[in-house]
Amino acid sequence: MLVLTPIGIIHSPYKTVGQAPRQGSGSDEICQVEVFEAFQEGLRDIEMFSHLILIYWFHLSVGYSLSVTPRWDVRPHGLFTSRSPRRPNPLGLCVVELLGREGNALKVRGLDAIDGTPLLDIKPYFPRVDERCSV
């Protein structure tokens, strides 16, 4: 059995899917990531990192199609070649810039999540490990 426990909630200026940018890298908006107090100790030393990888649940996503036309082409491709939020398991992932921390709240830039999105995990971004050649 698979059980996911949200560790926090994302606060952003985006109230609807239409307001959110297609990718977080296209946004300069500053958002707040609230980590629930039960998980706050896990933030120790997070300020060492300039960027973080956030994993979250697209809680407003409904249904999916295994064939989609992504923004980078005019012909259909398989769902797993896209970043569509409409997926069998609607997981979102975004690399954000960490601007600061106040207790259990992180201030970040470059996020595409809608206000109220459940946060599932935070991982440090390591350029030497995470950066790959571009497509």
Protein backbone atom coordinates (compact mmCIF):
# COMPACT_ATOMS: atom_id res chain seq x y z
CA MET A 1 0.00 0.00 0.00
CA LEU A 2 1.28 3.44 -0.92
CA VAL A 3 0.75 6.23 1.60
CA LEU A 4 1.97 9.78 1.11
CA THR A 5 2.01 12.21 4.01
CA PRO A 6 2.13 15.92 3.20
CA ILE A 7 4.94 17.67 5.09
CA GLY A 8 3.64 21.15 4.44
CA ILE A 9 1.65 23.47 2.24
CA ILE A 10 2.58 25.91 -0.51
CA HIS A 11 1.40 29.52 -0.36
CA SER A 12 1.53 31.33 -3.68
CA PRO A 13 -0.22 34.22 -5.43
CA TYR A 14 -1.73 31.76 -7.93
CA LYS A 15 -5.32 30.97 -6.98
CA THR A 16 -6.29 29.09 -10.16
CA VAL A 17 -4.60 26.79 -12.68
CA GLY A 18 -4.82 29.56 -15.29
CA GLN A 19 -2.88 32.00 -13.10
CA ALA A 20 0.07 29.66 -12.47
CA PRO A 21 3.04 29.80 -14.86
CA ARG A 22 3.64 26.75 -17.07
CA GLN A 23 7.05 26.27 -15.45
CA GLY A 24 8.39 27.79 -12.26
CA SER A 25 11.57 28.93 -13.98
CA GLY A 26 9.44 31.48 -15.84
CA SER A 27 8.30 33.20 -12.65
CA ASP A 28 9.92 35.83 -10.43
CA GLU A 29 7.08 35.69 -7.90
CA ILE A 30 8.10 35.07 -4.31
CA CYS A 31 6.20 32.25 -2.62
CA GLN A 32 6.19 30.78 0.86
CA VAL A 33 6.57 27.11 1.62
CA GLU A 34 5.16 26.27 5.04
CA VAL A 35 6.60 23.09 6.52
CA PHE A 36 4.39 21.61 9.23
CA GLU A 37 5.90 21.94 12.70
CA ALA A 38 6.20 18.16 13.08
CA PHE A 39 8.77 18.26 10.23
CA GLN A 40 10.52 21.54 11.08
CA GLU A 41 13.63 19.83 12.50
CA GLY A 42 14.22 18.42 9.01
CA LEU A 43 14.95 21.98 7.81
CA ARG A 44 18.14 22.24 9.90
CA ASP A 45 20.99 23.61 7.72
CA ILE A 46 18.76 24.07 4.68
CA GLU A 47 20.17 27.59 4.34
CA MET A 48 23.38 25.98 3.02
CA PHE A 49 21.66 25.54 -0.32
CA SER A 50 20.85 28.22 -2.88
CA HIS A 51 18.24 26.03 -4.58
CA LEU A 52 15.84 23.29 -3.55
CA ILE A 53 13.78 20.66 -5.34
CA LEU A 54 10.16 20.71 -4.19
CA ILE A 55 7.88 17.74 -4.80
CA TYR A 56 4.17 18.37 -4.44
CA TRP A 57 0.72 16.99 -5.24
CA PHE A 58 -1.28 18.63 -8.03
CA HIS A 59 -4.40 18.53 -5.85
CA LEU A 60 -6.64 20.20 -8.45
CA SER A 61 -5.61 17.92 -11.32
CA VAL A 62 -8.46 15.81 -12.71
CA GLY A 63 -8.04 12.91 -15.12
CA TYR A 64 -5.31 12.32 -17.65
CA SER A 65 -4.62 11.20 -21.20
CA LEU A 66 -1.67 9.06 -22.22
CA SER A 67 -1.34 11.13 -25.41
CA VAL A 68 -0.74 14.88 -25.14
CA THR A 69 0.50 17.69 -27.32
CA PRO A 70 3.22 19.41 -25.28
CA ARG A 71 4.02 23.10 -25.65
CA TRP A 72 7.34 22.28 -27.34
CA ASP A 73 5.73 20.56 -30.38
CA VAL A 74 2.61 20.58 -32.55
CA ARG A 75 2.11 16.82 -32.68
CA PRO A 76 0.96 14.44 -29.93
CA HIS A 77 3.49 12.61 -27.76
CA GLY A 78 3.23 10.20 -24.84
CA LEU A 79 2.21 11.73 -21.52
CA PHE A 80 5.54 10.85 -19.94
CA THR A 81 7.39 13.08 -22.42
CA SER A 82 5.49 16.09 -21.05
CA ARG A 83 5.28 18.13 -17.87
CA SER A 84 1.47 18.06 -17.85
CA PRO A 85 -0.02 18.13 -14.34
CA ARG A 86 -2.77 15.78 -15.52
CA ARG A 87 -1.13 12.42 -14.74
CA PRO A 88 -2.06 9.07 -13.15
CA ASN A 89 -0.12 10.24 -10.06
CA PRO A 90 -0.24 14.04 -10.23
CA LEU A 91 3.18 14.81 -8.79
CA GLY A 92 4.76 18.19 -9.36
CA LEU A 93 8.47 18.92 -9.19
CA CYS A 94 10.16 22.30 -9.31
CA VAL A 95 13.66 23.63 -8.69
CA VAL A 96 13.30 26.85 -6.70
CA GLU A 97 15.70 29.47 -5.43
CA LEU A 98 15.81 29.59 -1.62
CA LEU A 99 15.66 33.23 -0.54
CA GLY A 100 15.43 32.65 3.19
CA ARG A 101 14.02 30.76 6.12
CA GLU A 102 12.02 31.90 9.11
CA GLY A 103 11.31 29.02 11.46
CA ASN A 104 9.20 26.55 9.51
CA ALA A 105 8.63 28.89 6.55
CA LEU A 106 10.81 29.04 3.44
CA LYS A 107 10.75 31.99 1.09
CA VAL A 108 11.36 30.81 -2.49
CA ARG A 109 11.36 32.13 -6.06
CA GLY A 110 10.56 30.23 -9.27
CA LEU A 111 7.58 28.12 -8.22
CA ASP A 112 4.59 27.15 -10.36
CA ALA A 113 2.28 25.66 -7.69
CA ILE A 114 -1.20 26.91 -6.89
CA ASP A 115 -1.93 28.31 -3.43
CA GLY A 116 -2.81 25.50 -1.03
CA THR A 117 -0.84 22.80 -2.87
CA PRO A 118 0.25 19.98 -0.53
CA LEU A 119 4.04 19.70 -0.19
CA LEU A 120 5.31 16.11 -0.21
CA ASP A 121 9.09 16.48 -0.01
CA ILE A 122 12.06 18.84 -0.20
CA LYS A 123 15.44 17.84 -1.54
CA PRO A 124 18.60 19.93 -1.87
CA TYR A 125 19.63 20.85 -5.40
CA PHE A 126 23.24 19.85 -6.12
CA PRO A 127 24.36 21.29 -9.50
CA ARG A 128 27.12 18.67 -9.93
CA VAL A 129 24.62 15.86 -9.41
CA ASP A 130 21.34 17.30 -10.74
CA GLU A 131 22.44 19.33 -13.76
CA ARG A 132 22.45 17.46 -17.04
CA CYS A 133 22.83 18.40 -20.69
CA SER A 134 19.87 20.24 -22.13
CA VAL A 135 17.44 18.74 -24.62
